[in-house]
Amino acid sequence: MRIPFTNSEPAKTLRQPQPSCIPILPAVEISARYRGARIGGDFFDFLTVPGDKLLFILMDIAGRRENALNIAAVVQSCLREYSAHHFPNASVEDSLALTGLVLEINREIMAASGGVCNAPAFLGCYDQGLTTLTYINAGHTPGILKDAQGTLLLAANGLPLGLFSHATHDTQYCALAPGAILALVSRGIVEDHGEGQEFGIEGVERLLAEREFTTAEGVCNAILGAVSHFERKPNIFSPALQLAGLGPHEPNDLTALAMLRKRP
């Protein structure tokens, strides 16, 4: 008699992150726009902490959609649970708190994935009183800061999260002058194809440099609009057509996040 095979291991319960709530703040305006395709690995979230500070994160999690969403849910829980420990009051040093928070998030990602998970992330803490941004770019696409002096790339200064359990990341700093804009985009925007080439971080930087913006929402709309127009441009062989599962350049999730410091 043939004995049917049964898996004695319990099925793994996968989670999904809760919808992100964009806070309304007196000193800065925030916006985020997302266009999903087939993967679902883009994740962003916001959290206010003592001292009139804003924590935010943008991640591009590799892997299957359901696993990526599960990792995003884990990161969201970590952000909300561990931030109370690392940012208990207004006097905490942002650089130390952010470094410790990222270290714990990194370990939780590896535990949840059961090994390694390539999860580039940009995590920032904006102090509305000091108007300074403390950030860690862990293998993510560069952030772009635009102000009266021009544009500045906030490049990666560490490995993506989820690769090494004891990896550490140094914090970086920048100041946001009145009217300054911080723009973050996912890998899908940078790698989007049209005219036989990538849109690139240069495309985002050029867009910010050439246009004036009065709202954070306008920044996000302009970026996604420019990418949509770019990917419809024909290359030298044929019109650019992107269908999931077909061709060398499959569509990806597109996410743009912007912060604009309000003028007095």
C-alpha atoms as a PDB file:
ATOM      1  CA  MET A   1       0.000   0.000   0.000  1.00  0.00           C
ATOM      2  CA  ARG A   2       1.347   3.382  -0.974  1.00  0.00           C
ATOM      3  CA  ILE A   3       1.496   5.819   1.920  1.00  0.00           C
ATOM      4  CA  PRO A   4       0.739   9.387   0.859  1.00  0.00           C
ATOM      5  CA  PHE A   5       3.450  11.932   1.597  1.00  0.00           C
ATOM      6  CA  THR A   6       2.594  14.596   4.126  1.00  0.00           C
ATOM      7  CA  ASN A   7       4.658  17.628   5.092  1.00  0.00           C
ATOM      8  CA  SER A   8       5.025  17.668   8.860  1.00  0.00           C
ATOM      9  CA  GLU A   9       6.279  21.264   8.876  1.00  0.00           C
ATOM     10  CA  PRO A  10       3.571  23.850   9.542  1.00  0.00           C
ATOM     11  CA  ALA A  11       2.783  26.222   6.714  1.00  0.00           C
ATOM     12  CA  LYS A  12       4.575  29.521   6.992  1.00  0.00           C
ATOM     13  CA  THR A  13       2.240  32.409   7.713  1.00  0.00           C
ATOM     14  CA  LEU A  14       2.998  35.354   5.483  1.00  0.00           C
ATOM     15  CA  ARG A  15       1.996  38.856   6.458  1.00  0.00           C
ATOM     16  CA  GLN A  16       1.345  42.098   4.632  1.00  0.00           C
ATOM     17  CA  PRO A  17       2.186  45.615   5.802  1.00  0.00           C
ATOM     18  CA  GLN A  18      -0.540  47.998   6.896  1.00  0.00           C
ATOM     19  CA  PRO A  19      -1.262  50.992   4.638  1.00  0.00           C
ATOM     20  CA  SER A  20       1.186  53.805   5.277  1.00  0.00           C
ATOM     21  CA  CYS A  21      -0.277  56.995   6.687  1.00  0.00           C
ATOM     22  CA  ILE A  22       1.458  60.141   5.491  1.00  0.00           C
ATOM     23  CA  PRO A  23       1.618  62.590   8.415  1.00  0.00           C
ATOM     24  CA  ILE A  24       0.669  66.242   8.137  1.00  0.00           C
ATOM     25  CA  LEU A  25       3.480  68.307   9.629  1.00  0.00           C
ATOM     26  CA  PRO A  26       3.905  72.060  10.143  1.00  0.00           C
ATOM     27  CA  ALA A  27       7.431  72.367   8.747  1.00  0.00           C
ATOM     28  CA  VAL A  28       7.534  69.912   5.840  1.00  0.00           C
ATOM     29  CA  GLU A  29       5.190  68.544   3.213  1.00  0.00           C
ATOM     30  CA  ILE A  30       5.386  64.849   2.335  1.00  0.00           C
ATOM     31  CA  SER A  31       4.041  62.816  -0.535  1.00  0.00           C
ATOM     32  CA  ALA A  32       4.497  59.301  -1.919  1.00  0.00           C
ATOM     33  CA  ARG A  33       3.207  57.784  -5.161  1.00  0.00           C
ATOM     34  CA  TYR A  34       3.298  54.132  -6.140  1.00  0.00           C
ATOM     35  CA  ARG A  35       2.600  52.344  -9.415  1.00  0.00           C
ATOM     36  CA  GLY A  36       2.572  48.574  -9.014  1.00  0.00           C
ATOM     37  CA  ALA A  37       3.415  46.144 -11.771  1.00  0.00           C
ATOM     38  CA  ARG A  38       4.035  42.536 -10.820  1.00  0.00           C
ATOM     39  CA  ILE A  39       6.563  42.279  -7.998  1.00  0.00           C
ATOM     40  CA  GLY A  40       5.321  44.302  -5.041  1.00  0.00           C
ATOM     41  CA  GLY A  41       8.723  44.717  -3.359  1.00  0.00           C
ATOM     42  CA  ASP A  42       8.571  48.490  -2.944  1.00  0.00           C
ATOM     43  CA  PHE A  43       7.701  49.608   0.583  1.00  0.00           C
ATOM     44  CA  PHE A  44       7.593  52.965   2.344  1.00  0.00           C
ATOM     45  CA  ASP A  45       6.419  54.091   5.751  1.00  0.00           C
ATOM     46  CA  PHE A  46       6.453  57.134   8.039  1.00  0.00           C
ATOM     47  CA  LEU A  47       6.505  57.586  11.787  1.00  0.00           C
ATOM     48  CA  THR A  48       6.730  60.623  14.059  1.00  0.00           C
ATOM     49  CA  VAL A  49       8.918  60.354  17.174  1.00  0.00           C
ATOM     50  CA  PRO A  50       9.574  62.659  20.155  1.00  0.00           C
ATOM     51  CA  GLY A  51      11.377  65.902  19.435  1.00  0.00           C
ATOM     52  CA  ASP A  52       9.270  66.947  16.443  1.00  0.00           C
ATOM     53  CA  LYS A  53      11.116  64.412  14.287  1.00  0.00           C
ATOM     54  CA  LEU A  54       9.973  62.314  11.350  1.00  0.00           C
ATOM     55  CA  LEU A  55      11.237  58.799  10.663  1.00  0.00           C
ATOM     56  CA  PHE A  56      10.733  57.461   7.144  1.00  0.00           C
ATOM     57  CA  ILE A  57      11.897  54.526   5.058  1.00  0.00           C
ATOM     58  CA  LEU A  58      11.856  53.485   1.414  1.00  0.00           C
ATOM     59  CA  MET A  59      12.811  49.905   0.551  1.00  0.00           C
ATOM     60  CA  ASP A  60      13.097  47.792  -2.581  1.00  0.00           C
ATOM     61  CA  ILE A  61      12.835  44.190  -1.395  1.00  0.00           C
ATOM     62  CA  ALA A  62      13.973  41.442  -3.746  1.00  0.00           C
ATOM     63  CA  GLY A  63      12.174  38.125  -4.133  1.00  0.00           C
ATOM     64  CA  ARG A  64       8.701  36.802  -4.797  1.00  0.00           C
ATOM     65  CA  ARG A  65       5.845  39.182  -4.145  1.00  0.00           C
ATOM     66  CA  GLU A  66       4.374  37.341  -1.157  1.00  0.00           C
ATOM     67  CA  ASN A  67       7.769  37.024   0.512  1.00  0.00           C
ATOM     68  CA  ALA A  68       8.619  40.652  -0.193  1.00  0.00           C
ATOM     69  CA  LEU A  69       5.339  41.776   1.371  1.00  0.00           C
ATOM     70  CA  ASN A  70       6.057  39.606   4.403  1.00  0.00           C
ATOM     71  CA  ILE A  71       9.464  41.256   4.836  1.00  0.00           C
ATOM     72  CA  ALA A  72       7.831  44.664   4.450  1.00  0.00           C
ATOM     73  CA  ALA A  73       5.390  43.795   7.241  1.00  0.00           C
ATOM     74  CA  VAL A  74       8.285  42.738   9.458  1.00  0.00           C
ATOM     75  CA  VAL A  75      10.135  45.987   8.774  1.00  0.00           C
ATOM     76  CA  GLN A  76       7.010  48.019   9.495  1.00  0.00           C
ATOM     77  CA  SER A  77       6.574  46.280  12.848  1.00  0.00           C
ATOM     78  CA  CYS A  78      10.246  46.830  13.691  1.00  0.00           C
ATOM     79  CA  LEU A  79      10.061  50.486  12.783  1.00  0.00           C
ATOM     80  CA  ARG A  80       7.083  51.065  15.035  1.00  0.00           C
ATOM     81  CA  GLU A  81       8.216  48.871  17.913  1.00  0.00           C
ATOM     82  CA  TYR A  82      11.934  49.615  18.098  1.00  0.00           C
ATOM     83  CA  SER A  83      11.650  53.341  17.413  1.00  0.00           C
ATOM     84  CA  ALA A  84      10.194  53.817  20.901  1.00  0.00           C
ATOM     85  CA  HIS A  85      13.381  52.293  22.326  1.00  0.00           C
ATOM     86  CA  HIS A  86      15.849  54.158  20.128  1.00  0.00           C
ATOM     87  CA  PHE A  87      13.992  57.489  20.108  1.00  0.00           C
ATOM     88  CA  PRO A  88      12.572  57.641  23.660  1.00  0.00           C
ATOM     89  CA  ASN A  89      12.790  61.430  23.998  1.00  0.00           C
ATOM     90  CA  ALA A  90      13.709  64.635  22.188  1.00  0.00           C
ATOM     91  CA  SER A  91      17.301  64.733  23.447  1.00  0.00           C
ATOM     92  CA  VAL A  92      18.441  61.472  21.860  1.00  0.00           C
ATOM     93  CA  GLU A  93      21.304  61.667  19.367  1.00  0.00           C
ATOM     94  CA  ASP A  94      19.754  60.955  15.969  1.00  0.00           C
ATOM     95  CA  SER A  95      22.856  59.327  14.473  1.00  0.00           C
ATOM     96  CA  LEU A  96      23.208  56.795  17.291  1.00  0.00           C
ATOM     97  CA  ALA A  97      19.482  56.062  17.377  1.00  0.00           C
ATOM     98  CA  LEU A  98      19.249  55.582  13.625  1.00  0.00           C
ATOM     99  CA  THR A  99      22.298  53.292  13.531  1.00  0.00           C
ATOM    100  CA  GLY A 100      20.876  51.100  16.281  1.00  0.00           C
ATOM    101  CA  LEU A 101      17.453  50.983  14.657  1.00  0.00           C
ATOM    102  CA  VAL A 102      18.850  49.919  11.290  1.00  0.00           C
ATOM    103  CA  LEU A 103      20.926  47.200  12.941  1.00  0.00           C
ATOM    104  CA  GLU A 104      17.828  45.697  14.555  1.00  0.00           C
ATOM    105  CA  ILE A 105      15.771  45.958  11.363  1.00  0.00           C
ATOM    106  CA  ASN A 106      18.556  44.213   9.453  1.00  0.00           C
ATOM    107  CA  ARG A 107      18.615  41.288  11.876  1.00  0.00           C
ATOM    108  CA  GLU A 108      14.822  40.949  11.820  1.00  0.00           C
ATOM    109  CA  ILE A 109      14.852  40.825   8.009  1.00  0.00           C
ATOM    110  CA  MET A 110      17.343  37.964   8.041  1.00  0.00           C
ATOM    111  CA  ALA A 111      15.380  36.094  10.698  1.00  0.00           C
ATOM    112  CA  ALA A 112      12.122  36.480   8.778  1.00  0.00           C
ATOM    113  CA  SER A 113      13.675  35.391   5.479  1.00  0.00           C
ATOM    114  CA  GLY A 114      15.416  32.385   7.034  1.00  0.00           C
ATOM    115  CA  GLY A 115      18.700  33.388   5.468  1.00  0.00           C
ATOM    116  CA  VAL A 116      19.572  36.327   3.263  1.00  0.00           C
ATOM    117  CA  CYS A 117      17.261  38.789   1.572  1.00  0.00           C
ATOM    118  CA  ASN A 118      18.513  41.621  -0.616  1.00  0.00           C
ATOM    119  CA  ALA A 119      16.673  44.647   0.743  1.00  0.00           C
ATOM    120  CA  PRO A 120      18.169  48.020  -0.230  1.00  0.00           C
ATOM    121  CA  ALA A 121      16.790  50.754   2.020  1.00  0.00           C
ATOM    122  CA  PHE A 122      16.922  54.498   2.589  1.00  0.00           C
ATOM    123  CA  LEU A 123      16.073  55.352   6.193  1.00  0.00           C
ATOM    124  CA  GLY A 124      15.965  58.949   7.361  1.00  0.00           C
ATOM    125  CA  CYS A 125      15.208  61.039  10.434  1.00  0.00           C
ATOM    126  CA  TYR A 126      14.239  64.657   9.809  1.00  0.00           C
ATOM    127  CA  ASP A 127      14.420  67.073  12.734  1.00  0.00           C
ATOM    128  CA  GLN A 128      11.910  69.831  12.041  1.00  0.00           C
ATOM    129  CA  GLY A 129      13.399  72.089  14.698  1.00  0.00           C
ATOM    130  CA  LEU A 130      16.989  71.879  13.473  1.00  0.00           C
ATOM    131  CA  THR A 131      15.896  71.353   9.829  1.00  0.00           C
ATOM    132  CA  THR A 132      18.515  68.611   9.455  1.00  0.00           C
ATOM    133  CA  LEU A 133      18.219  65.187   7.886  1.00  0.00           C
ATOM    134  CA  THR A 134      20.153  62.259   9.342  1.00  0.00           C
ATOM    135  CA  TYR A 135      20.041  59.293   6.977  1.00  0.00           C
ATOM    136  CA  ILE A 136      21.423  55.886   6.089  1.00  0.00           C
ATOM    137  CA  ASN A 137      21.442  54.750   2.488  1.00  0.00           C
ATOM    138  CA  ALA A 138      21.876  50.983   2.668  1.00  0.00           C
ATOM    139  CA  GLY A 139      22.505  50.038  -0.947  1.00  0.00           C
ATOM    140  CA  HIS A 140      19.485  51.999  -2.201  1.00  0.00           C
ATOM    141  CA  THR A 141      19.292  54.244  -5.235  1.00  0.00           C
ATOM    142  CA  PRO A 142      20.636  57.710  -4.367  1.00  0.00           C
ATOM    143  CA  GLY A 143      18.351  60.256  -2.835  1.00  0.00           C
ATOM    144  CA  ILE A 144      18.333  63.666  -4.504  1.00  0.00           C
ATOM    145  CA  LEU A 145      18.394  66.928  -2.564  1.00  0.00           C
ATOM    146  CA  LYS A 146      17.466  70.070  -4.477  1.00  0.00           C
ATOM    147  CA  ASP A 147      17.846  73.571  -3.085  1.00  0.00           C
ATOM    148  CA  ALA A 148      18.990  76.998  -4.233  1.00  0.00           C
ATOM    149  CA  GLN A 149      22.547  75.667  -4.633  1.00  0.00           C
ATOM    150  CA  GLY A 150      21.521  72.979  -7.130  1.00  0.00           C
ATOM    151  CA  THR A 151      21.121  69.221  -6.752  1.00  0.00           C
ATOM    152  CA  LEU A 152      23.065  66.782  -4.581  1.00  0.00           C
ATOM    153  CA  LEU A 153      23.058  62.986  -4.760  1.00  0.00           C
ATOM    154  CA  LEU A 154      22.743  61.181  -1.414  1.00  0.00           C
ATOM    155  CA  ALA A 155      24.537  58.038  -2.533  1.00  0.00           C
ATOM    156  CA  ALA A 156      24.611  54.642  -0.856  1.00  0.00           C
ATOM    157  CA  ASN A 157      27.097  54.396   2.005  1.00  0.00           C
ATOM    158  CA  GLY A 158      26.555  50.781   3.036  1.00  0.00           C
ATOM    159  CA  LEU A 159      25.401  47.338   1.928  1.00  0.00           C
ATOM    160  CA  PRO A 160      21.716  46.494   1.419  1.00  0.00           C
ATOM    161  CA  LEU A 161      19.920  45.179   4.476  1.00  0.00           C
ATOM    162  CA  GLY A 162      19.300  41.461   4.867  1.00  0.00           C
ATOM    163  CA  LEU A 163      22.723  40.237   3.764  1.00  0.00           C
ATOM    164  CA  PHE A 164      24.923  40.218   6.868  1.00  0.00           C
ATOM    165  CA  SER A 165      23.530  40.061  10.393  1.00  0.00           C
ATOM    166  CA  HIS A 166      26.240  42.208  11.972  1.00  0.00           C
ATOM    167  CA  ALA A 167      26.617  44.755   9.189  1.00  0.00           C
ATOM    168  CA  THR A 168      26.823  48.326  10.443  1.00  0.00           C
ATOM    169  CA  HIS A 169      25.931  51.512   8.604  1.00  0.00           C
ATOM    170  CA  ASP A 170      27.290  55.002   9.183  1.00  0.00           C
ATOM    171  CA  THR A 171      24.889  57.919   9.205  1.00  0.00           C
ATOM    172  CA  GLN A 172      25.151  60.933   6.912  1.00  0.00           C
ATOM    173  CA  TYR A 173      23.792  64.452   7.337  1.00  0.00           C
ATOM    174  CA  CYS A 174      22.384  67.261   5.261  1.00  0.00           C
ATOM    175  CA  ALA A 175      20.358  70.401   5.926  1.00  0.00           C
ATOM    176  CA  LEU A 176      17.090  71.358   4.247  1.00  0.00           C
ATOM    177  CA  ALA A 177      16.863  75.067   3.487  1.00  0.00           C
ATOM    178  CA  PRO A 178      13.434  76.696   2.999  1.00  0.00           C
ATOM    179  CA  GLY A 179      11.966  75.370  -0.255  1.00  0.00           C
ATOM    180  CA  ALA A 180      14.419  72.456  -0.417  1.00  0.00           C
ATOM    181  CA  ILE A 181      13.211  69.152  -1.843  1.00  0.00           C
ATOM    182  CA  LEU A 182      14.307  65.622  -0.992  1.00  0.00           C
ATOM    183  CA  ALA A 183      13.285  63.052  -3.612  1.00  0.00           C
ATOM    184  CA  LEU A 184      13.635  59.280  -3.281  1.00  0.00           C
ATOM    185  CA  VAL A 185      12.836  56.810  -6.046  1.00  0.00           C
ATOM    186  CA  SER A 186      12.793  53.033  -6.279  1.00  0.00           C
ATOM    187  CA  ARG A 187      15.003  50.937  -8.519  1.00  0.00           C
ATOM    188  CA  GLY A 188      12.087  50.434 -10.897  1.00  0.00           C
ATOM    189  CA  ILE A 189      12.168  54.124 -11.857  1.00  0.00           C
ATOM    190  CA  VAL A 190      15.925  54.201 -12.341  1.00  0.00           C
ATOM    191  CA  GLU A 191      15.926  51.021 -14.453  1.00  0.00           C
ATOM    192  CA  ASP A 192      12.843  51.876 -16.517  1.00  0.00           C
ATOM    193  CA  HIS A 193      13.570  51.592 -20.250  1.00  0.00           C
ATOM    194  CA  GLY A 194      12.700  53.739 -23.243  1.00  0.00           C
ATOM    195  CA  GLU A 195      14.568  54.660 -26.412  1.00  0.00           C
ATOM    196  CA  GLY A 196      16.805  51.658 -25.759  1.00  0.00           C
ATOM    197  CA  GLN A 197      18.248  53.089 -22.545  1.00  0.00           C
ATOM    198  CA  GLU A 198      17.482  53.460 -18.839  1.00  0.00           C
ATOM    199  CA  PHE A 199      15.761  56.480 -17.345  1.00  0.00           C
ATOM    200  CA  GLY A 200      18.507  56.476 -14.717  1.00  0.00           C
ATOM    201  CA  ILE A 201      18.977  58.514 -11.583  1.00  0.00           C
ATOM    202  CA  GLU A 202      20.252  61.175 -13.984  1.00  0.00           C
ATOM    203  CA  GLY A 203      16.763  61.438 -15.437  1.00  0.00           C
ATOM    204  CA  VAL A 204      15.303  62.140 -11.996  1.00  0.00           C
ATOM    205  CA  GLU A 205      18.056  64.619 -11.167  1.00  0.00           C
ATOM    206  CA  ARG A 206      17.597  66.422 -14.473  1.00  0.00           C
ATOM    207  CA  LEU A 207      13.841  66.668 -13.954  1.00  0.00           C
ATOM    208  CA  LEU A 208      14.285  68.228 -10.514  1.00  0.00           C
ATOM    209  CA  ALA A 209      16.943  70.633 -11.765  1.00  0.00           C
ATOM    210  CA  GLU A 210      14.920  71.871 -14.740  1.00  0.00           C
ATOM    211  CA  ARG A 211      11.547  72.364 -13.064  1.00  0.00           C
ATOM    212  CA  GLU A 212      10.240  74.356 -10.116  1.00  0.00           C
ATOM    213  CA  PHE A 213       7.929  72.708  -7.608  1.00  0.00           C
ATOM    214  CA  THR A 214       5.695  74.140  -4.908  1.00  0.00           C
ATOM    215  CA  THR A 215       4.334  70.876  -3.502  1.00  0.00           C
ATOM    216  CA  ALA A 216       5.729  67.452  -2.628  1.00  0.00           C
ATOM    217  CA  GLU A 217       2.836  65.850  -4.479  1.00  0.00           C
ATOM    218  CA  GLY A 218       3.821  67.751  -7.599  1.00  0.00           C
ATOM    219  CA  VAL A 219       7.320  66.273  -7.377  1.00  0.00           C
ATOM    220  CA  CYS A 220       6.019  62.685  -7.183  1.00  0.00           C
ATOM    221  CA  ASN A 221       3.503  63.230  -9.981  1.00  0.00           C
ATOM    222  CA  ALA A 222       6.172  64.767 -12.218  1.00  0.00           C
ATOM    223  CA  ILE A 223       8.592  61.872 -11.679  1.00  0.00           C
ATOM    224  CA  LEU A 224       6.034  59.152 -12.419  1.00  0.00           C
ATOM    225  CA  GLY A 225       4.688  61.144 -15.346  1.00  0.00           C
ATOM    226  CA  ALA A 226       8.162  61.566 -16.836  1.00  0.00           C
ATOM    227  CA  VAL A 227       8.883  57.846 -16.495  1.00  0.00           C
ATOM    228  CA  SER A 228       5.558  56.907 -18.126  1.00  0.00           C
ATOM    229  CA  HIS A 229       6.344  59.217 -21.051  1.00  0.00           C
ATOM    230  CA  PHE A 230       9.912  57.906 -21.287  1.00  0.00           C
ATOM    231  CA  GLU A 231       8.947  54.228 -21.441  1.00  0.00           C
ATOM    232  CA  ARG A 232       6.500  54.884 -24.297  1.00  0.00           C
ATOM    233  CA  LYS A 233       9.198  56.363 -26.517  1.00  0.00           C
ATOM    234  CA  PRO A 234      10.176  54.044 -29.404  1.00  0.00           C
ATOM    235  CA  ASN A 235      13.675  52.653 -29.738  1.00  0.00           C
ATOM    236  CA  ILE A 236      15.492  52.212 -33.034  1.00  0.00           C
ATOM    237  CA  PHE A 237      13.793  48.862 -33.671  1.00  0.00           C
ATOM    238  CA  SER A 238      10.199  49.237 -32.519  1.00  0.00           C
ATOM    239  CA  PRO A 239       7.921  50.986 -30.050  1.00  0.00           C
ATOM    240  CA  ALA A 240       8.791  50.216 -26.450  1.00  0.00           C
ATOM    241  CA  LEU A 241       6.323  47.636 -25.165  1.00  0.00           C
ATOM    242  CA  GLN A 242       6.647  46.172 -21.691  1.00  0.00           C
ATOM    243  CA  LEU A 243       4.561  43.170 -20.721  1.00  0.00           C
ATOM    244  CA  ALA A 244       5.083  41.141 -17.571  1.00  0.00           C
ATOM    245  CA  GLY A 245       6.935  37.935 -18.390  1.00  0.00           C
ATOM    246  CA  LEU A 246       7.874  39.001 -21.918  1.00  0.00           C
ATOM    247  CA  GLY A 247      11.050  40.628 -23.137  1.00  0.00           C
ATOM    248  CA  PRO A 248      14.343  41.387 -21.399  1.00  0.00           C
ATOM    249  CA  HIS A 249      12.998  44.399 -19.489  1.00  0.00           C
ATOM    250  CA  GLU A 250       9.924  43.435 -17.545  1.00  0.00           C
ATOM    251  CA  PRO A 251       7.869  46.151 -15.820  1.00  0.00           C
ATOM    252  CA  ASN A 252       8.674  46.807 -12.201  1.00  0.00           C
ATOM    253  CA  ASP A 253       7.100  48.662  -9.324  1.00  0.00           C
ATOM    254  CA  LEU A 254       7.620  52.408  -9.486  1.00  0.00           C
ATOM    255  CA  THR A 255       7.720  54.464  -6.292  1.00  0.00           C
ATOM    256  CA  ALA A 256       8.513  58.130  -5.751  1.00  0.00           C
ATOM    257  CA  LEU A 257       8.693  59.767  -2.339  1.00  0.00           C
ATOM    258  CA  ALA A 258       9.226  63.488  -1.807  1.00  0.00           C
ATOM    259  CA  MET A 259       9.723  65.843   1.122  1.00  0.00           C
ATOM    260  CA  LEU A 260       9.519  69.608   0.681  1.00  0.00           C
ATOM    261  CA  ARG A 261      10.491  72.031   3.426  1.00  0.00           C
ATOM    262  CA  LYS A 262       7.867  74.729   3.602  1.00  0.00           C
ATOM    263  CA  ARG A 263       8.868  78.367   3.253  1.00  0.00           C
ATOM    264  CA  PRO A 264       8.095  80.704   6.150  1.00  0.00           C
END
